All heavy atoms as atom14 arrays in JSON, in Angstrom:
{
  "sequence": "VDSFAADFDPEEFEDEYQAELRTLIDAKLAQGDALDTTETFGEAEQ",
  "atom14_mask": [
    [1, 1, 1, 1, 1, 1, 1, 0, 0, 0, 0, 0, 0, 0],
    [1, 1, 1, 1, 1, 1, 1, 1, 0, 0, 0, 0, 0, 0],
    [1, 1, 1, 1, 1, 1, 0, 0, 0, 0, 0, 0, 0, 0],
    [1, 1, 1, 1, 1, 1, 1, 1, 1, 1, 1, 0, 0, 0],
    [1, 1, 1, 1, 1, 0, 0, 0, 0, 0, 0, 0, 0, 0],
    [1, 1, 1, 1, 1, 0, 0, 0, 0, 0, 0, 0, 0, 0],
    [1, 1, 1, 1, 1, 1, 1, 1, 0, 0, 0, 0, 0, 0],
    [1, 1, 1, 1, 1, 1, 1, 1, 1, 1, 1, 0, 0, 0],
    [1, 1, 1, 1, 1, 1, 1, 1, 0, 0, 0, 0, 0, 0],
    [1, 1, 1, 1, 1, 1, 1, 0, 0, 0, 0, 0, 0, 0],
    [1, 1, 1, 1, 1, 1, 1, 1, 1, 0, 0, 0, 0, 0],
    [1, 1, 1, 1, 1, 1, 1, 1, 1, 0, 0, 0, 0, 0],
    [1, 1, 1, 1, 1, 1, 1, 1, 1, 1, 1, 0, 0, 0],
    [1, 1, 1, 1, 1, 1, 1, 1, 1, 0, 0, 0, 0, 0],
    [1, 1, 1, 1, 1, 1, 1, 1, 0, 0, 0, 0, 0, 0],
    [1, 1, 1, 1, 1, 1, 1, 1, 1, 0, 0, 0, 0, 0],
    [1, 1, 1, 1, 1, 1, 1, 1, 1, 1, 1, 1, 0, 0],
    [1, 1, 1, 1, 1, 1, 1, 1, 1, 0, 0, 0, 0, 0],
    [1, 1, 1, 1, 1, 0, 0, 0, 0, 0, 0, 0, 0, 0],
    [1, 1, 1, 1, 1, 1, 1, 1, 1, 0, 0, 0, 0, 0],
    [1, 1, 1, 1, 1, 1, 1, 1, 0, 0, 0, 0, 0, 0],
    [1, 1, 1, 1, 1, 1, 1, 1, 1, 1, 1, 0, 0, 0],
    [1, 1, 1, 1, 1, 1, 1, 0, 0, 0, 0, 0, 0, 0],
    [1, 1, 1, 1, 1, 1, 1, 1, 0, 0, 0, 0, 0, 0],
    [1, 1, 1, 1, 1, 1, 1, 1, 0, 0, 0, 0, 0, 0],
    [1, 1, 1, 1, 1, 1, 1, 1, 0, 0, 0, 0, 0, 0],
    [1, 1, 1, 1, 1, 0, 0, 0, 0, 0, 0, 0, 0, 0],
    [1, 1, 1, 1, 1, 1, 1, 1, 1, 0, 0, 0, 0, 0],
    [1, 1, 1, 1, 1, 1, 1, 1, 0, 0, 0, 0, 0, 0],
    [1, 1, 1, 1, 1, 0, 0, 0, 0, 0, 0, 0, 0, 0],
    [1, 1, 1, 1, 1, 1, 1, 1, 1, 0, 0, 0, 0, 0],
    [1, 1, 1, 1, 0, 0, 0, 0, 0, 0, 0, 0, 0, 0],
    [1, 1, 1, 1, 1, 1, 1, 1, 0, 0, 0, 0, 0, 0],
    [1, 1, 1, 1, 1, 0, 0, 0, 0, 0, 0, 0, 0, 0],
    [1, 1, 1, 1, 1, 1, 1, 1, 0, 0, 0, 0, 0, 0],
    [1, 1, 1, 1, 1, 1, 1, 1, 0, 0, 0, 0, 0, 0],
    [1, 1, 1, 1, 1, 1, 1, 0, 0, 0, 0, 0, 0, 0],
    [1, 1, 1, 1, 1, 1, 1, 0, 0, 0, 0, 0, 0, 0],
    [1, 1, 1, 1, 1, 1, 1, 1, 1, 0, 0, 0, 0, 0],
    [1, 1, 1, 1, 1, 1, 1, 0, 0, 0, 0, 0, 0, 0],
    [1, 1, 1, 1, 1, 1, 1, 1, 1, 1, 1, 0, 0, 0],
    [1, 1, 1, 1, 0, 0, 0, 0, 0, 0, 0, 0, 0, 0],
    [1, 1, 1, 1, 1, 1, 1, 1, 1, 0, 0, 0, 0, 0],
    [1, 1, 1, 1, 1, 0, 0, 0, 0, 0, 0, 0, 0, 0],
    [1, 1, 1, 1, 1, 1, 1, 1, 1, 0, 0, 0, 0, 0],
    [1, 1, 1, 1, 1, 1, 1, 1, 1, 0, 0, 0, 0, 0]
  ],
  "atom14_positions": [
    [[-49.55, -24.18, 65.93], [-48.99, -24.11, 67.24], [-48.53, -25.53, 67.68], [-47.52, -25.74, 68.18], [-49.97, -23.57, 68.2], [-49.52, -23.75, 69.6], [-50.28, -22.1, 67.86], [0.0, 0.0, 0.0], [0.0, 0.0, 0.0], [0.0, 0.0, 0.0], [0.0, 0.0, 0.0], [0.0, 0.0, 0.0], [0.0, 0.0, 0.0], [0.0, 0.0, 0.0]],
    [[-49.39, -26.55, 67.45], [-49.16, -27.88, 67.9], [-47.76, -28.39, 67.23], [-47.05, -29.17, 67.71], [-50.27, -28.85, 67.52], [-51.44, -28.72, 68.34], [-51.31, -28.18, 69.48], [-52.55, -28.98, 68.02], [0.0, 0.0, 0.0], [0.0, 0.0, 0.0], [0.0, 0.0, 0.0], [0.0, 0.0, 0.0], [0.0, 0.0, 0.0], [0.0, 0.0, 0.0]],
    [[-47.59, -28.04, 65.88], [-46.37, -28.4, 65.27], [-45.05, -27.83, 65.78], [-43.95, -28.47, 65.66], [-46.4, -28.05, 63.8], [-46.33, -26.58, 63.56], [0.0, 0.0, 0.0], [0.0, 0.0, 0.0], [0.0, 0.0, 0.0], [0.0, 0.0, 0.0], [0.0, 0.0, 0.0], [0.0, 0.0, 0.0], [0.0, 0.0, 0.0], [0.0, 0.0, 0.0]],
    [[-45.13, -26.73, 66.58], [-44.06, -26.2, 67.26], [-44.07, -26.48, 68.86], [-43.15, -25.97, 69.55], [-44.07, -24.58, 67.12], [-43.64, -24.13, 65.75], [-44.44, -23.97, 64.72], [-42.18, -23.88, 65.62], [-44.12, -23.48, 63.45], [-41.89, -23.3, 64.36], [-42.6, -23.16, 63.34], [0.0, 0.0, 0.0], [0.0, 0.0, 0.0], [0.0, 0.0, 0.0]],
    [[-45.02, -27.33, 69.25], [-45.13, -27.48, 70.72], [-43.83, -28.29, 71.29], [-43.25, -29.22, 70.58], [-46.28, -28.32, 70.99], [0.0, 0.0, 0.0], [0.0, 0.0, 0.0], [0.0, 0.0, 0.0], [0.0, 0.0, 0.0], [0.0, 0.0, 0.0], [0.0, 0.0, 0.0], [0.0, 0.0, 0.0], [0.0, 0.0, 0.0], [0.0, 0.0, 0.0]],
    [[-43.33, -27.82, 72.31], [-42.19, -28.37, 73.04], [-42.14, -27.94, 74.47], [-42.82, -27.08, 74.85], [-41.0, -27.98, 72.28], [0.0, 0.0, 0.0], [0.0, 0.0, 0.0], [0.0, 0.0, 0.0], [0.0, 0.0, 0.0], [0.0, 0.0, 0.0], [0.0, 0.0, 0.0], [0.0, 0.0, 0.0], [0.0, 0.0, 0.0], [0.0, 0.0, 0.0]],
    [[-41.23, -28.65, 75.26], [-41.04, -28.21, 76.62], [-39.81, -27.15, 76.56], [-38.8, -27.56, 75.89], [-40.69, -29.32, 77.53], [-41.96, -30.31, 77.81], [-43.01, -29.79, 77.8], [-41.71, -31.53, 77.83], [0.0, 0.0, 0.0], [0.0, 0.0, 0.0], [0.0, 0.0, 0.0], [0.0, 0.0, 0.0], [0.0, 0.0, 0.0], [0.0, 0.0, 0.0]],
    [[-39.97, -26.03, 77.21], [-38.94, -25.01, 77.11], [-37.78, -25.39, 77.94], [-37.7, -25.7, 79.14], [-39.54, -23.73, 77.66], [-38.57, -22.61, 77.6], [-37.87, -22.16, 76.52], [-38.06, -21.91, 78.84], [-36.96, -21.13, 76.38], [-37.24, -20.86, 78.74], [-36.67, -20.5, 77.61], [0.0, 0.0, 0.0], [0.0, 0.0, 0.0], [0.0, 0.0, 0.0]],
    [[-36.56, -25.36, 77.26], [-35.37, -25.56, 77.94], [-34.36, -24.41, 77.57], [-33.86, -24.45, 76.36], [-34.72, -26.91, 77.5], [-33.35, -27.27, 78.2], [-32.87, -26.35, 78.96], [-32.64, -28.23, 77.8], [0.0, 0.0, 0.0], [0.0, 0.0, 0.0], [0.0, 0.0, 0.0], [0.0, 0.0, 0.0], [0.0, 0.0, 0.0], [0.0, 0.0, 0.0]],
    [[-34.0, -23.43, 78.24], [-33.2, -22.32, 77.83], [-31.88, -22.77, 77.5], [-31.21, -21.93, 76.73], [-33.26, -21.43, 79.19], [-33.66, -22.34, 80.33], [-34.63, -23.33, 79.67], [0.0, 0.0, 0.0], [0.0, 0.0, 0.0], [0.0, 0.0, 0.0], [0.0, 0.0, 0.0], [0.0, 0.0, 0.0], [0.0, 0.0, 0.0], [0.0, 0.0, 0.0]],
    [[-31.31, -23.94, 77.95], [-30.08, -24.42, 77.62], [-29.94, -24.56, 76.16], [-28.75, -24.72, 75.65], [-29.69, -25.6, 78.48], [-29.54, -25.43, 79.9], [-28.38, -24.47, 80.28], [-27.39, -24.35, 79.6], [-28.45, -23.82, 81.31], [0.0, 0.0, 0.0], [0.0, 0.0, 0.0], [0.0, 0.0, 0.0], [0.0, 0.0, 0.0], [0.0, 0.0, 0.0]],
    [[-31.04, -24.89, 75.5], [-31.0, -25.28, 74.06], [-30.75, -24.01, 73.16], [-30.57, -24.02, 71.96], [-32.24, -25.87, 73.65], [-32.48, -27.21, 74.28], [-33.9, -27.77, 73.86], [-34.54, -27.24, 73.06], [-34.03, -28.99, 74.31], [0.0, 0.0, 0.0], [0.0, 0.0, 0.0], [0.0, 0.0, 0.0], [0.0, 0.0, 0.0], [0.0, 0.0, 0.0]],
    [[-30.8, -22.76, 73.72], [-30.83, -21.66, 72.96], [-29.38, -20.87, 73.18], [-28.8, -20.84, 74.28], [-31.88, -20.68, 73.28], [-33.25, -21.14, 72.97], [-33.88, -22.04, 73.92], [-33.88, -20.99, 71.7], [-35.13, -22.63, 73.62], [-35.02, -21.64, 71.33], [-35.66, -22.4, 72.24], [0.0, 0.0, 0.0], [0.0, 0.0, 0.0], [0.0, 0.0, 0.0]],
    [[-29.01, -20.26, 72.14], [-27.68, -19.48, 72.28], [-27.92, -17.99, 71.65], [-28.59, -17.84, 70.71], [-26.62, -20.25, 71.4], [-25.21, -19.61, 71.46], [-24.25, -20.38, 70.51], [-24.71, -21.07, 69.73], [-22.96, -20.22, 70.73], [0.0, 0.0, 0.0], [0.0, 0.0, 0.0], [0.0, 0.0, 0.0], [0.0, 0.0, 0.0], [0.0, 0.0, 0.0]],
    [[-27.05, -17.09, 72.13], [-27.01, -15.74, 71.67], [-26.15, -15.87, 70.44], [-24.9, -15.84, 70.47], [-26.5, -14.79, 72.66], [-26.56, -13.39, 72.24], [-26.67, -13.04, 70.98], [-26.52, -12.45, 73.13], [0.0, 0.0, 0.0], [0.0, 0.0, 0.0], [0.0, 0.0, 0.0], [0.0, 0.0, 0.0], [0.0, 0.0, 0.0], [0.0, 0.0, 0.0]],
    [[-26.69, -15.97, 69.19], [-26.0, -16.18, 67.89], [-25.26, -14.88, 67.62], [-23.97, -14.97, 67.12], [-26.96, -16.45, 66.83], [-27.73, -17.75, 66.98], [-28.73, -17.97, 65.85], [-28.83, -17.11, 64.98], [-29.45, -19.05, 65.88], [0.0, 0.0, 0.0], [0.0, 0.0, 0.0], [0.0, 0.0, 0.0], [0.0, 0.0, 0.0], [0.0, 0.0, 0.0]],
    [[-25.7, -13.75, 67.92], [-24.83, -12.52, 67.54], [-23.56, -12.43, 68.36], [-22.46, -12.26, 67.77], [-25.72, -11.33, 67.74], [-24.86, -9.96, 67.5], [-24.77, -9.58, 66.3], [-24.27, -9.35, 68.58], [-24.19, -8.34, 65.97], [-23.56, -8.15, 68.29], [-23.49, -7.62, 67.0], [-22.7, -6.52, 66.8], [0.0, 0.0, 0.0], [0.0, 0.0, 0.0]],
    [[-23.7, -12.81, 69.7], [-22.31, -12.64, 70.49], [-21.56, -13.94, 70.08], [-20.24, -13.57, 70.17], [-22.88, -12.81, 71.98], [-23.58, -11.67, 72.48], [-22.74, -10.34, 72.45], [-21.52, -10.33, 72.78], [-23.42, -9.27, 72.13], [0.0, 0.0, 0.0], [0.0, 0.0, 0.0], [0.0, 0.0, 0.0], [0.0, 0.0, 0.0], [0.0, 0.0, 0.0]],
    [[-22.01, -15.05, 69.78], [-21.23, -16.13, 69.32], [-20.42, -15.76, 67.98], [-19.2, -16.08, 67.85], [-21.96, -17.41, 69.07], [0.0, 0.0, 0.0], [0.0, 0.0, 0.0], [0.0, 0.0, 0.0], [0.0, 0.0, 0.0], [0.0, 0.0, 0.0], [0.0, 0.0, 0.0], [0.0, 0.0, 0.0], [0.0, 0.0, 0.0], [0.0, 0.0, 0.0]],
    [[-21.14, -15.15, 67.01], [-20.51, -14.74, 65.87], [-19.44, -13.62, 66.0], [-18.46, -13.54, 65.38], [-21.58, -14.23, 64.82], [-22.57, -15.43, 64.29], [-23.61, -14.89, 63.67], [-23.78, -13.6, 63.38], [-24.43, -15.64, 63.13], [0.0, 0.0, 0.0], [0.0, 0.0, 0.0], [0.0, 0.0, 0.0], [0.0, 0.0, 0.0], [0.0, 0.0, 0.0]],
    [[-19.73, -12.73, 66.91], [-18.82, -11.64, 67.31], [-17.58, -12.24, 67.86], [-16.42, -11.81, 67.48], [-19.43, -10.68, 68.21], [-18.66, -9.44, 68.72], [-18.12, -8.64, 67.5], [-19.4, -8.6, 69.65], [0.0, 0.0, 0.0], [0.0, 0.0, 0.0], [0.0, 0.0, 0.0], [0.0, 0.0, 0.0], [0.0, 0.0, 0.0], [0.0, 0.0, 0.0]],
    [[-17.68, -13.03, 68.77], [-16.4, -13.8, 69.41], [-15.58, -14.6, 68.29], [-14.4, -14.5, 68.33], [-16.84, -14.75, 70.41], [-17.34, -14.04, 71.65], [-17.72, -15.06, 72.89], [-18.3, -14.23, 73.99], [-17.58, -13.78, 75.01], [-16.22, -13.63, 74.98], [-18.15, -13.21, 75.93], [0.0, 0.0, 0.0], [0.0, 0.0, 0.0], [0.0, 0.0, 0.0]],
    [[-16.38, -15.19, 67.38], [-15.7, -15.9, 66.28], [-14.9, -14.87, 65.51], [-13.74, -15.12, 65.06], [-16.68, -16.64, 65.34], [-17.34, -17.56, 66.27], [-15.88, -17.33, 64.25], [0.0, 0.0, 0.0], [0.0, 0.0, 0.0], [0.0, 0.0, 0.0], [0.0, 0.0, 0.0], [0.0, 0.0, 0.0], [0.0, 0.0, 0.0], [0.0, 0.0, 0.0]],
    [[-15.44, -13.79, 65.21], [-14.77, -12.7, 64.38], [-13.53, -12.26, 65.06], [-12.53, -11.93, 64.54], [-15.81, -11.52, 64.05], [-15.29, -10.28, 63.37], [-14.65, -10.72, 62.0], [-16.29, -9.16, 63.35], [0.0, 0.0, 0.0], [0.0, 0.0, 0.0], [0.0, 0.0, 0.0], [0.0, 0.0, 0.0], [0.0, 0.0, 0.0], [0.0, 0.0, 0.0]],
    [[-13.67, -11.95, 66.38], [-12.45, -11.37, 67.26], [-11.4, -12.39, 67.16], [-10.26, -12.14, 67.01], [-13.06, -11.07, 68.66], [-13.93, -9.92, 68.57], [-11.89, -10.88, 69.49], [-14.67, -9.53, 69.96], [0.0, 0.0, 0.0], [0.0, 0.0, 0.0], [0.0, 0.0, 0.0], [0.0, 0.0, 0.0], [0.0, 0.0, 0.0], [0.0, 0.0, 0.0]],
    [[-11.69, -13.69, 67.34], [-10.69, -14.8, 67.43], [-9.99, -14.89, 66.07], [-8.79, -15.01, 65.97], [-11.35, -16.14, 67.79], [-11.85, -16.15, 69.12], [-11.28, -15.4, 70.11], [-12.73, -16.98, 69.51], [0.0, 0.0, 0.0], [0.0, 0.0, 0.0], [0.0, 0.0, 0.0], [0.0, 0.0, 0.0], [0.0, 0.0, 0.0], [0.0, 0.0, 0.0]],
    [[-10.86, -14.66, 64.91], [-10.25, -14.66, 63.71], [-9.17, -13.59, 63.46], [-8.09, -13.77, 62.94], [-11.34, -14.69, 62.55], [0.0, 0.0, 0.0], [0.0, 0.0, 0.0], [0.0, 0.0, 0.0], [0.0, 0.0, 0.0], [0.0, 0.0, 0.0], [0.0, 0.0, 0.0], [0.0, 0.0, 0.0], [0.0, 0.0, 0.0], [0.0, 0.0, 0.0]],
    [[-9.59, -12.41, 63.91], [-8.74, -11.25, 63.78], [-7.39, -11.33, 64.56], [-6.29, -11.03, 64.19], [-9.44, -9.99, 64.13], [-10.34, -9.42, 63.16], [-11.14, -8.06, 63.59], [-11.86, -7.43, 62.39], [-10.9, -6.76, 61.39], [0.0, 0.0, 0.0], [0.0, 0.0, 0.0], [0.0, 0.0, 0.0], [0.0, 0.0, 0.0], [0.0, 0.0, 0.0]],
    [[-7.59, -11.98, 65.74], [-6.4, -12.29, 66.63], [-5.48, -13.23, 66.01], [-4.28, -12.99, 66.09], [-6.88, -12.88, 68.05], [-7.43, -11.73, 68.97], [-8.12, -12.47, 70.07], [-6.45, -10.64, 69.32], [0.0, 0.0, 0.0], [0.0, 0.0, 0.0], [0.0, 0.0, 0.0], [0.0, 0.0, 0.0], [0.0, 0.0, 0.0], [0.0, 0.0, 0.0]],
    [[-6.0, -14.31, 65.37], [-5.27, -15.34, 64.7], [-4.59, -14.75, 63.58], [-3.42, -15.23, 63.17], [-6.2, -16.44, 64.43], [0.0, 0.0, 0.0], [0.0, 0.0, 0.0], [0.0, 0.0, 0.0], [0.0, 0.0, 0.0], [0.0, 0.0, 0.0], [0.0, 0.0, 0.0], [0.0, 0.0, 0.0], [0.0, 0.0, 0.0], [0.0, 0.0, 0.0]],
    [[-5.11, -13.83, 62.76], [-4.53, -13.31, 61.66], [-3.53, -12.18, 61.85], [-2.91, -11.56, 61.1], [-5.59, -12.72, 60.7], [-6.5, -13.78, 60.19], [-7.66, -13.22, 59.44], [-7.78, -11.94, 59.22], [-8.68, -14.1, 59.07], [0.0, 0.0, 0.0], [0.0, 0.0, 0.0], [0.0, 0.0, 0.0], [0.0, 0.0, 0.0], [0.0, 0.0, 0.0]],
    [[-3.41, -11.86, 63.22], [-2.53, -10.77, 63.64], [-3.13, -9.38, 63.33], [-2.38, -8.41, 63.41], [0.0, 0.0, 0.0], [0.0, 0.0, 0.0], [0.0, 0.0, 0.0], [0.0, 0.0, 0.0], [0.0, 0.0, 0.0], [0.0, 0.0, 0.0], [0.0, 0.0, 0.0], [0.0, 0.0, 0.0], [0.0, 0.0, 0.0], [0.0, 0.0, 0.0]],
    [[-4.42, -9.35, 63.14], [-5.13, -8.08, 62.96], [-5.52, -7.38, 64.32], [-6.68, -7.37, 64.57], [-6.27, -8.23, 61.83], [-6.89, -6.89, 61.51], [-6.29, -5.95, 61.79], [-8.05, -7.04, 60.91], [0.0, 0.0, 0.0], [0.0, 0.0, 0.0], [0.0, 0.0, 0.0], [0.0, 0.0, 0.0], [0.0, 0.0, 0.0], [0.0, 0.0, 0.0]],
    [[-4.42, -7.18, 65.0], [-4.85, -6.56, 66.45], [-3.69, -5.59, 66.9], [-2.7, -5.52, 66.23], [-4.87, -7.8, 67.36], [0.0, 0.0, 0.0], [0.0, 0.0, 0.0], [0.0, 0.0, 0.0], [0.0, 0.0, 0.0], [0.0, 0.0, 0.0], [0.0, 0.0, 0.0], [0.0, 0.0, 0.0], [0.0, 0.0, 0.0], [0.0, 0.0, 0.0]],
    [[-4.02, -4.87, 67.85], [-3.11, -3.94, 68.42], [-2.75, -4.1, 69.74], [-3.36, -4.91, 70.46], [-3.81, -2.47, 68.35], [-4.36, -1.92, 66.98], [-5.18, -0.73, 67.26], [-3.09, -1.58, 66.15], [0.0, 0.0, 0.0], [0.0, 0.0, 0.0], [0.0, 0.0, 0.0], [0.0, 0.0, 0.0], [0.0, 0.0, 0.0], [0.0, 0.0, 0.0]],
    [[-1.6, -3.69, 70.23], [-1.21, -3.92, 71.58], [-2.13, -3.26, 72.51], [-2.25, -2.05, 72.52], [0.27, -3.51, 71.72], [0.86, -3.82, 73.03], [0.55, -2.99, 74.06], [1.44, -4.9, 73.32], [0.0, 0.0, 0.0], [0.0, 0.0, 0.0], [0.0, 0.0, 0.0], [0.0, 0.0, 0.0], [0.0, 0.0, 0.0], [0.0, 0.0, 0.0]],
    [[-2.74, -4.03, 73.51], [-3.65, -3.33, 74.39], [-3.1, -2.25, 75.32], [-3.74, -1.21, 75.42], [-4.34, -4.5, 75.4], [-5.03, -5.44, 74.46], [-5.42, -3.89, 76.19], [0.0, 0.0, 0.0], [0.0, 0.0, 0.0], [0.0, 0.0, 0.0], [0.0, 0.0, 0.0], [0.0, 0.0, 0.0], [0.0, 0.0, 0.0], [0.0, 0.0, 0.0]],
    [[-2.06, -2.55, 75.78], [-1.3, -1.47, 76.72], [-1.09, -0.2, 75.98], [-1.29, 0.9, 76.58], [0.0, -2.14, 77.3], [-0.35, -3.32, 78.04], [0.57, -1.15, 78.32], [0.0, 0.0, 0.0], [0.0, 0.0, 0.0], [0.0, 0.0, 0.0], [0.0, 0.0, 0.0], [0.0, 0.0, 0.0], [0.0, 0.0, 0.0], [0.0, 0.0, 0.0]],
    [[-0.5, -0.26, 74.7], [-0.19, 0.91, 74.0], [-1.46, 1.56, 73.48], [-1.49, 2.88, 73.47], [0.68, 0.65, 72.77], [2.02, 0.03, 73.17], [2.85, -0.31, 71.98], [2.38, -0.03, 70.81], [3.98, -0.71, 71.97], [0.0, 0.0, 0.0], [0.0, 0.0, 0.0], [0.0, 0.0, 0.0], [0.0, 0.0, 0.0], [0.0, 0.0, 0.0]],
    [[-2.54, 0.8, 73.25], [-3.65, 1.37, 72.74], [-4.67, 1.99, 73.82], [-5.12, 3.05, 73.82], [-4.44, 0.42, 71.84], [-3.69, -0.13, 70.84], [-5.66, 1.03, 71.25], [0.0, 0.0, 0.0], [0.0, 0.0, 0.0], [0.0, 0.0, 0.0], [0.0, 0.0, 0.0], [0.0, 0.0, 0.0], [0.0, 0.0, 0.0], [0.0, 0.0, 0.0]],
    [[-4.96, 1.2, 74.75], [-5.91, 1.54, 75.9], [-5.23, 2.06, 77.11], [-5.91, 2.52, 78.03], [-6.77, 0.2, 76.14], [-7.53, -0.16, 74.94], [-7.84, -1.53, 74.85], [-8.03, 0.71, 74.06], [-8.58, -1.91, 73.77], [-8.75, 0.23, 73.0], [-9.12, -1.05, 72.75], [0.0, 0.0, 0.0], [0.0, 0.0, 0.0], [0.0, 0.0, 0.0]],
    [[-3.93, 1.7, 77.36], [-3.26, 2.18, 78.57], [-3.5, 0.97, 79.55], [-4.15, -0.04, 79.21], [0.0, 0.0, 0.0], [0.0, 0.0, 0.0], [0.0, 0.0, 0.0], [0.0, 0.0, 0.0], [0.0, 0.0, 0.0], [0.0, 0.0, 0.0], [0.0, 0.0, 0.0], [0.0, 0.0, 0.0], [0.0, 0.0, 0.0], [0.0, 0.0, 0.0]],
    [[-3.07, 1.17, 80.78], [-3.29, 0.12, 81.82], [-4.68, -0.02, 82.21], [-5.33, 1.01, 82.5], [-2.42, 0.45, 83.1], [-0.85, 0.37, 82.75], [-0.32, -0.98, 82.43], [-1.07, -1.95, 82.82], [0.81, -1.14, 81.85], [0.0, 0.0, 0.0], [0.0, 0.0, 0.0], [0.0, 0.0, 0.0], [0.0, 0.0, 0.0], [0.0, 0.0, 0.0]],
    [[-5.05, -1.28, 82.33], [-6.52, -1.44, 82.75], [-6.71, -1.05, 84.27], [-5.82, -1.22, 85.04], [-6.82, -2.9, 82.65], [0.0, 0.0, 0.0], [0.0, 0.0, 0.0], [0.0, 0.0, 0.0], [0.0, 0.0, 0.0], [0.0, 0.0, 0.0], [0.0, 0.0, 0.0], [0.0, 0.0, 0.0], [0.0, 0.0, 0.0], [0.0, 0.0, 0.0]],
    [[-7.8, -0.38, 84.5], [-8.16, 0.14, 85.85], [-8.58, -0.94, 86.63], [-9.46, -1.79, 86.26], [-9.17, 1.24, 85.78], [-8.68, 2.56, 85.02], [-9.77, 3.56, 84.99], [-10.91, 3.31, 85.71], [-9.48, 4.67, 84.45], [0.0, 0.0, 0.0], [0.0, 0.0, 0.0], [0.0, 0.0, 0.0], [0.0, 0.0, 0.0], [0.0, 0.0, 0.0]],
    [[-8.03, -1.12, 87.96], [-8.52, -2.17, 88.85], [-9.67, -1.7, 89.58], [-9.72, -0.43, 90.19], [-7.35, -2.55, 89.75], [-6.13, -3.07, 89.08], [-6.46, -4.33, 88.34], [-7.19, -5.12, 88.78], [-5.85, -4.49, 87.19], [0.0, 0.0, 0.0], [0.0, 0.0, 0.0], [0.0, 0.0, 0.0], [0.0, 0.0, 0.0], [0.0, 0.0, 0.0]]
  ]
}
């Protein structure tokens, strides 16, 4: 326990899954592996 002792700072932690998911989405967009949102999903509801 002493070897892991530290002061907690939530800013030091990141949601790794969401970060990896965003990286995957950005890569697909960069590669052109995407669909037109308006044609696929229709107009976004306000």
